Amino acid sequence: MPERPAFVPSSLVPSALSGAGAPGRTVHPVAAVAHRVRSAHNVGAMLRTSDAAGLAHLYLTGFTPTPAHPSVHKTALGAEDWVPWSHHDDVIGLIRRLQAEGYTVVALEQTAAPRPVDRFHASDFPLAFVVGNEVEGVAAEVLAACDAAVEIPQYGQKHSLNVSVAFGIAAYDLVRRWHAVQPLVPEARERKT
């Protein structure tokens, strides 16, 4: 397996705007793909969470509404001005491009063999996670294109969460994992010894 390159935000930058250079914004090597999410309110919430968690990029695919939609803009509260985002019609093509850039792409979906987040290593980053439609979840062909699947443990009867809530849990869990597996920088290593 080829060695993954050091994290650099994806070259798939949005044409309309880019928050990548926002002063004071911490960017983690975690991106997200929202595929066929129908609710503009959910997309707005995902943008706000992407900003708060310091995600590198939010890719909107299929019929997922963009910040041009008034309800996305209203719910995002301006986060769309700070979070790099872009829209892509072809989610499989996008997944392949991210993989070619060195991303590990995982689906946030309940499967028979999910990979626990605590089993991701520094070499798995940069990482992009895919969330799917509110009713149907991540489509089978999208799941098949991903490198793995992760899921949120469910202890209740419904075994489901609102997509924007699940998005937030996954975003913070993956960012937390990135911080946990980060090798110490040389200066920190010297101070520790």
C-alpha atoms as a PDB file:
ATOM      1  CA  MET A   1       0.000   0.000   0.000  1.00  0.00           C
ATOM      2  CA  PRO A   2       1.475   3.410  -0.949  1.00  0.00           C
ATOM      3  CA  GLU A   3       2.275   5.818   1.849  1.00  0.00           C
ATOM      4  CA  ARG A   4      -0.364   8.500   2.335  1.00  0.00           C
ATOM      5  CA  PRO A   5       0.745  12.068   1.674  1.00  0.00           C
ATOM      6  CA  ALA A   6       0.811  14.632   4.469  1.00  0.00           C
ATOM      7  CA  PHE A   7      -2.568  16.313   4.890  1.00  0.00           C
ATOM      8  CA  VAL A   8      -3.318  19.064   2.463  1.00  0.00           C
ATOM      9  CA  PRO A   9      -6.937  20.199   2.031  1.00  0.00           C
ATOM     10  CA  SER A  10      -8.480  18.642  -1.053  1.00  0.00           C
ATOM     11  CA  SER A  11      -7.804  20.205  -4.407  1.00  0.00           C
ATOM     12  CA  LEU A  12     -11.534  19.903  -5.076  1.00  0.00           C
ATOM     13  CA  VAL A  13     -12.124  23.426  -3.780  1.00  0.00           C
ATOM     14  CA  PRO A  14     -15.468  25.091  -4.310  1.00  0.00           C
ATOM     15  CA  SER A  15     -15.747  27.491  -7.188  1.00  0.00           C
ATOM     16  CA  ALA A  16     -18.083  29.916  -5.449  1.00  0.00           C
ATOM     17  CA  LEU A  17     -16.334  30.352  -2.121  1.00  0.00           C
ATOM     18  CA  SER A  18     -13.651  28.906   0.075  1.00  0.00           C
ATOM     19  CA  GLY A  19     -13.266  29.222   3.817  1.00  0.00           C
ATOM     20  CA  ALA A  20      -9.957  27.355   3.801  1.00  0.00           C
ATOM     21  CA  GLY A  21      -8.026  30.563   4.369  1.00  0.00           C
ATOM     22  CA  ALA A  22     -10.257  31.862   7.144  1.00  0.00           C
ATOM     23  CA  PRO A  23      -8.054  33.356   9.861  1.00  0.00           C
ATOM     24  CA  GLY A  24      -8.120  31.420  13.111  1.00  0.00           C
ATOM     25  CA  ARG A  25      -9.948  28.409  11.641  1.00  0.00           C
ATOM     26  CA  THR A  26      -8.381  25.098  12.627  1.00  0.00           C
ATOM     27  CA  VAL A  27      -8.644  22.567   9.819  1.00  0.00           C
ATOM     28  CA  HIS A  28      -8.450  18.835  10.507  1.00  0.00           C
ATOM     29  CA  PRO A  29      -7.753  16.116   7.925  1.00  0.00           C
ATOM     30  CA  VAL A  30     -11.398  15.068   8.033  1.00  0.00           C
ATOM     31  CA  ALA A  31     -13.896  15.902   5.294  1.00  0.00           C
ATOM     32  CA  ALA A  32     -17.511  14.870   4.791  1.00  0.00           C
ATOM     33  CA  VAL A  33     -19.750  13.942   1.895  1.00  0.00           C
ATOM     34  CA  ALA A  34     -23.510  14.532   2.225  1.00  0.00           C
ATOM     35  CA  HIS A  35     -25.182  12.431  -0.471  1.00  0.00           C
ATOM     36  CA  ARG A  36     -28.828  12.886  -1.391  1.00  0.00           C
ATOM     37  CA  VAL A  37     -29.703  14.632   1.872  1.00  0.00           C
ATOM     38  CA  ARG A  38     -33.107  16.144   1.159  1.00  0.00           C
ATOM     39  CA  SER A  39     -33.577  18.530   4.101  1.00  0.00           C
ATOM     40  CA  ALA A  40     -32.078  21.983   3.689  1.00  0.00           C
ATOM     41  CA  HIS A  41     -32.211  22.352   7.484  1.00  0.00           C
ATOM     42  CA  ASN A  42     -30.063  19.238   7.900  1.00  0.00           C
ATOM     43  CA  VAL A  43     -27.534  20.604   5.403  1.00  0.00           C
ATOM     44  CA  GLY A  44     -27.397  23.924   7.247  1.00  0.00           C
ATOM     45  CA  ALA A  45     -26.792  22.068  10.509  1.00  0.00           C
ATOM     46  CA  MET A  46     -24.018  20.051   8.829  1.00  0.00           C
ATOM     47  CA  LEU A  47     -22.328  23.261   7.706  1.00  0.00           C
ATOM     48  CA  ARG A  48     -22.441  24.651  11.248  1.00  0.00           C
ATOM     49  CA  THR A  49     -21.044  21.400  12.638  1.00  0.00           C
ATOM     50  CA  SER A  50     -18.355  21.305   9.920  1.00  0.00           C
ATOM     51  CA  ASP A  51     -17.222  24.768  11.005  1.00  0.00           C
ATOM     52  CA  ALA A  52     -17.304  23.939  14.715  1.00  0.00           C
ATOM     53  CA  ALA A  53     -15.379  20.664  14.242  1.00  0.00           C
ATOM     54  CA  GLY A  54     -12.871  22.168  11.809  1.00  0.00           C
ATOM     55  CA  LEU A  55     -13.660  19.832   8.930  1.00  0.00           C
ATOM     56  CA  ALA A  56     -11.544  20.379   5.828  1.00  0.00           C
ATOM     57  CA  HIS A  57     -14.425  20.342   3.344  1.00  0.00           C
ATOM     58  CA  LEU A  58     -18.114  19.509   2.991  1.00  0.00           C
ATOM     59  CA  TYR A  59     -18.995  17.884  -0.327  1.00  0.00           C
ATOM     60  CA  LEU A  60     -22.672  18.052  -1.265  1.00  0.00           C
ATOM     61  CA  THR A  61     -23.720  15.457  -3.831  1.00  0.00           C
ATOM     62  CA  GLY A  62     -26.780  14.415  -5.771  1.00  0.00           C
ATOM     63  CA  PHE A  63     -29.881  16.456  -4.971  1.00  0.00           C
ATOM     64  CA  THR A  64     -28.472  17.725  -1.654  1.00  0.00           C
ATOM     65  CA  PRO A  65     -29.311  21.444  -1.465  1.00  0.00           C
ATOM     66  CA  THR A  66     -26.466  23.966  -1.435  1.00  0.00           C
ATOM     67  CA  PRO A  67     -26.110  27.184   0.583  1.00  0.00           C
ATOM     68  CA  ALA A  68     -27.906  28.982  -2.270  1.00  0.00           C
ATOM     69  CA  HIS A  69     -31.112  27.483  -0.820  1.00  0.00           C
ATOM     70  CA  PRO A  70     -32.645  29.991   1.652  1.00  0.00           C
ATOM     71  CA  SER A  71     -33.236  27.338   4.356  1.00  0.00           C
ATOM     72  CA  VAL A  72     -29.633  26.101   4.185  1.00  0.00           C
ATOM     73  CA  HIS A  73     -28.401  29.675   4.499  1.00  0.00           C
ATOM     74  CA  LYS A  74     -30.797  30.399   7.378  1.00  0.00           C
ATOM     75  CA  THR A  75     -29.812  27.281   9.356  1.00  0.00           C
ATOM     76  CA  ALA A  76     -26.069  27.537   8.626  1.00  0.00           C
ATOM     77  CA  LEU A  77     -25.947  31.017  10.227  1.00  0.00           C
ATOM     78  CA  GLY A  78     -23.059  32.049   7.980  1.00  0.00           C
ATOM     79  CA  ALA A  79     -20.974  28.878   8.410  1.00  0.00           C
ATOM     80  CA  GLU A  80     -21.103  28.473   4.623  1.00  0.00           C
ATOM     81  CA  ASP A  81     -18.786  31.500   4.449  1.00  0.00           C
ATOM     82  CA  TRP A  82     -16.087  29.696   6.470  1.00  0.00           C
ATOM     83  CA  VAL A  83     -16.404  26.042   5.538  1.00  0.00           C
ATOM     84  CA  PRO A  84     -15.063  25.044   2.128  1.00  0.00           C
ATOM     85  CA  TRP A  85     -17.917  23.325   0.310  1.00  0.00           C
ATOM     86  CA  SER A  86     -18.708  22.208  -3.206  1.00  0.00           C
ATOM     87  CA  HIS A  87     -21.444  20.408  -5.079  1.00  0.00           C
ATOM     88  CA  HIS A  88     -20.866  17.303  -7.226  1.00  0.00           C
ATOM     89  CA  ASP A  89     -23.434  15.359  -9.238  1.00  0.00           C
ATOM     90  CA  ASP A  90     -21.408  12.120  -9.347  1.00  0.00           C
ATOM     91  CA  VAL A  91     -20.773  10.802  -5.830  1.00  0.00           C
ATOM     92  CA  ILE A  92     -18.896   7.697  -7.026  1.00  0.00           C
ATOM     93  CA  GLY A  93     -16.600   9.874  -9.144  1.00  0.00           C
ATOM     94  CA  LEU A  94     -16.032  12.133  -6.125  1.00  0.00           C
ATOM     95  CA  ILE A  95     -15.201   9.155  -3.885  1.00  0.00           C
ATOM     96  CA  ARG A  96     -12.694   7.886  -6.461  1.00  0.00           C
ATOM     97  CA  ARG A  97     -11.092  11.349  -6.701  1.00  0.00           C
ATOM     98  CA  LEU A  98     -10.792  11.609  -2.920  1.00  0.00           C
ATOM     99  CA  GLN A  99      -9.242   8.138  -2.760  1.00  0.00           C
ATOM    100  CA  ALA A 100      -6.776   9.116  -5.498  1.00  0.00           C
ATOM    101  CA  GLU A 101      -5.833  12.148  -3.374  1.00  0.00           C
ATOM    102  CA  GLY A 102      -4.988   9.791  -0.485  1.00  0.00           C
ATOM    103  CA  TYR A 103      -8.212   9.947   1.497  1.00  0.00           C
ATOM    104  CA  THR A 104      -9.661   6.943   3.268  1.00  0.00           C
ATOM    105  CA  VAL A 105     -13.383   7.138   2.523  1.00  0.00           C
ATOM    106  CA  VAL A 106     -15.798   5.595   5.014  1.00  0.00           C
ATOM    107  CA  ALA A 107     -19.576   5.383   5.006  1.00  0.00           C
ATOM    108  CA  LEU A 108     -21.503   6.269   8.149  1.00  0.00           C
ATOM    109  CA  GLU A 109     -23.921   3.368   7.950  1.00  0.00           C
ATOM    110  CA  GLN A 110     -25.069   0.350   9.948  1.00  0.00           C
ATOM    111  CA  THR A 111     -23.427  -2.708   8.403  1.00  0.00           C
ATOM    112  CA  ALA A 112     -22.587  -6.296   9.342  1.00  0.00           C
ATOM    113  CA  ALA A 113     -18.892  -5.433   9.796  1.00  0.00           C
ATOM    114  CA  PRO A 114     -18.339  -1.806  10.789  1.00  0.00           C
ATOM    115  CA  ARG A 115     -14.835  -0.618  11.630  1.00  0.00           C
ATOM    116  CA  PRO A 116     -14.665   0.888  15.131  1.00  0.00           C
ATOM    117  CA  VAL A 117     -13.393   4.467  15.124  1.00  0.00           C
ATOM    118  CA  ASP A 118     -10.764   3.569  17.724  1.00  0.00           C
ATOM    119  CA  ARG A 119      -9.173   1.246  15.146  1.00  0.00           C
ATOM    120  CA  PHE A 120      -8.263   4.094  12.791  1.00  0.00           C
ATOM    121  CA  HIS A 121      -4.581   5.033  12.744  1.00  0.00           C
ATOM    122  CA  ALA A 122      -2.658   8.104  11.600  1.00  0.00           C
ATOM    123  CA  SER A 123      -2.120   6.381   8.246  1.00  0.00           C
ATOM    124  CA  ASP A 124      -5.918   6.372   7.690  1.00  0.00           C
ATOM    125  CA  PHE A 125      -5.946  10.176   7.498  1.00  0.00           C
ATOM    126  CA  PRO A 126      -6.882  12.258   5.623  1.00  0.00           C
ATOM    127  CA  LEU A 127     -10.314  10.705   5.919  1.00  0.00           C
ATOM    128  CA  ALA A 128     -13.701  11.534   4.431  1.00  0.00           C
ATOM    129  CA  PHE A 129     -16.964  10.168   5.786  1.00  0.00           C
ATOM    130  CA  VAL A 130     -20.140   9.795   3.757  1.00  0.00           C
ATOM    131  CA  VAL A 131     -23.649  10.315   5.132  1.00  0.00           C
ATOM    132  CA  GLY A 132     -26.711   9.381   3.133  1.00  0.00           C
ATOM    133  CA  ASN A 133     -30.356  10.122   2.677  1.00  0.00           C
ATOM    134  CA  GLU A 134     -32.549  10.607   5.747  1.00  0.00           C
ATOM    135  CA  VAL A 135     -34.758   7.606   4.906  1.00  0.00           C
ATOM    136  CA  GLU A 136     -32.603   5.305   2.772  1.00  0.00           C
ATOM    137  CA  GLY A 137     -29.178   5.900   4.336  1.00  0.00           C
ATOM    138  CA  VAL A 138     -26.058   5.331   2.251  1.00  0.00           C
ATOM    139  CA  ALA A 139     -26.947   3.626  -1.032  1.00  0.00           C
ATOM    140  CA  ALA A 140     -25.460   0.170  -1.656  1.00  0.00           C
ATOM    141  CA  GLU A 141     -23.350   1.309  -4.620  1.00  0.00           C
ATOM    142  CA  VAL A 142     -21.917   4.190  -2.559  1.00  0.00           C
ATOM    143  CA  LEU A 143     -21.198   1.850   0.352  1.00  0.00           C
ATOM    144  CA  ALA A 144     -19.404  -0.512  -2.045  1.00  0.00           C
ATOM    145  CA  ALA A 145     -17.182   2.340  -3.302  1.00  0.00           C
ATOM    146  CA  CYS A 146     -16.067   3.248   0.236  1.00  0.00           C
ATOM    147  CA  ASP A 147     -13.024   1.770   1.966  1.00  0.00           C
ATOM    148  CA  ALA A 148     -14.931   0.888   5.139  1.00  0.00           C
ATOM    149  CA  ALA A 149     -18.040   1.680   7.154  1.00  0.00           C
ATOM    150  CA  VAL A 150     -18.358   3.141  10.626  1.00  0.00           C
ATOM    151  CA  GLU A 151     -21.463   3.236  12.741  1.00  0.00           C
ATOM    152  CA  ILE A 152     -22.770   4.848  15.881  1.00  0.00           C
ATOM    153  CA  PRO A 153     -23.810   2.299  18.512  1.00  0.00           C
ATOM    154  CA  GLN A 154     -27.583   2.224  18.956  1.00  0.00           C
ATOM    155  CA  TYR A 155     -29.095   1.218  22.290  1.00  0.00           C
ATOM    156  CA  GLY A 156     -32.726   2.206  21.763  1.00  0.00           C
ATOM    157  CA  GLN A 157     -35.615   0.728  19.827  1.00  0.00           C
ATOM    158  CA  LYS A 158     -35.485   2.926  16.694  1.00  0.00           C
ATOM    159  CA  HIS A 159     -31.843   2.210  15.787  1.00  0.00           C
ATOM    160  CA  SER A 160     -31.581   5.502  13.944  1.00  0.00           C
ATOM    161  CA  LEU A 161     -30.636   9.138  14.438  1.00  0.00           C
ATOM    162  CA  ASN A 162     -31.424  12.289  12.500  1.00  0.00           C
ATOM    163  CA  VAL A 163     -28.766  12.578   9.769  1.00  0.00           C
ATOM    164  CA  SER A 164     -27.448  15.920  11.050  1.00  0.00           C
ATOM    165  CA  VAL A 165     -27.151  14.524  14.588  1.00  0.00           C
ATOM    166  CA  ALA A 166     -25.317  11.429  13.319  1.00  0.00           C
ATOM    167  CA  PHE A 167     -23.126  13.726  11.201  1.00  0.00           C
ATOM    168  CA  GLY A 168     -22.135  15.705  14.312  1.00  0.00           C
ATOM    169  CA  ILE A 169     -21.329  12.627  16.361  1.00  0.00           C
ATOM    170  CA  ALA A 170     -19.195  11.178  13.549  1.00  0.00           C
ATOM    171  CA  ALA A 171     -17.426  14.476  12.835  1.00  0.00           C
ATOM    172  CA  TYR A 172     -16.350  14.950  16.440  1.00  0.00           C
ATOM    173  CA  ASP A 173     -15.486  11.272  16.964  1.00  0.00           C
ATOM    174  CA  LEU A 174     -13.235  11.261  13.883  1.00  0.00           C
ATOM    175  CA  VAL A 175     -11.588  14.583  14.802  1.00  0.00           C
ATOM    176  CA  ARG A 176     -11.034  13.253  18.333  1.00  0.00           C
ATOM    177  CA  ARG A 177      -9.470  10.123  16.851  1.00  0.00           C
ATOM    178  CA  TRP A 178      -7.196  12.236  14.641  1.00  0.00           C
ATOM    179  CA  HIS A 179      -5.918  14.062  17.724  1.00  0.00           C
ATOM    180  CA  ALA A 180      -5.416  10.748  19.553  1.00  0.00           C
ATOM    181  CA  VAL A 181      -3.273   9.197  16.804  1.00  0.00           C
ATOM    182  CA  GLN A 182      -1.280  12.287  15.905  1.00  0.00           C
ATOM    183  CA  PRO A 183       2.434  11.640  16.274  1.00  0.00           C
ATOM    184  CA  LEU A 184       4.055  14.114  18.605  1.00  0.00           C
ATOM    185  CA  VAL A 185       5.845  16.953  16.882  1.00  0.00           C
ATOM    186  CA  PRO A 186       9.640  16.910  17.529  1.00  0.00           C
ATOM    187  CA  GLU A 187       9.493  19.839  19.984  1.00  0.00           C
ATOM    188  CA  ALA A 188       6.815  18.097  22.089  1.00  0.00           C
ATOM    189  CA  ARG A 189       8.771  14.834  22.001  1.00  0.00           C
ATOM    190  CA  GLU A 190      11.886  16.608  23.332  1.00  0.00           C
ATOM    191  CA  ARG A 191       9.899  18.239  26.158  1.00  0.00           C
ATOM    192  CA  LYS A 192       8.371  14.901  27.095  1.00  0.00           C
ATOM    193  CA  THR A 193      11.722  13.112  27.487  1.00  0.00           C
END
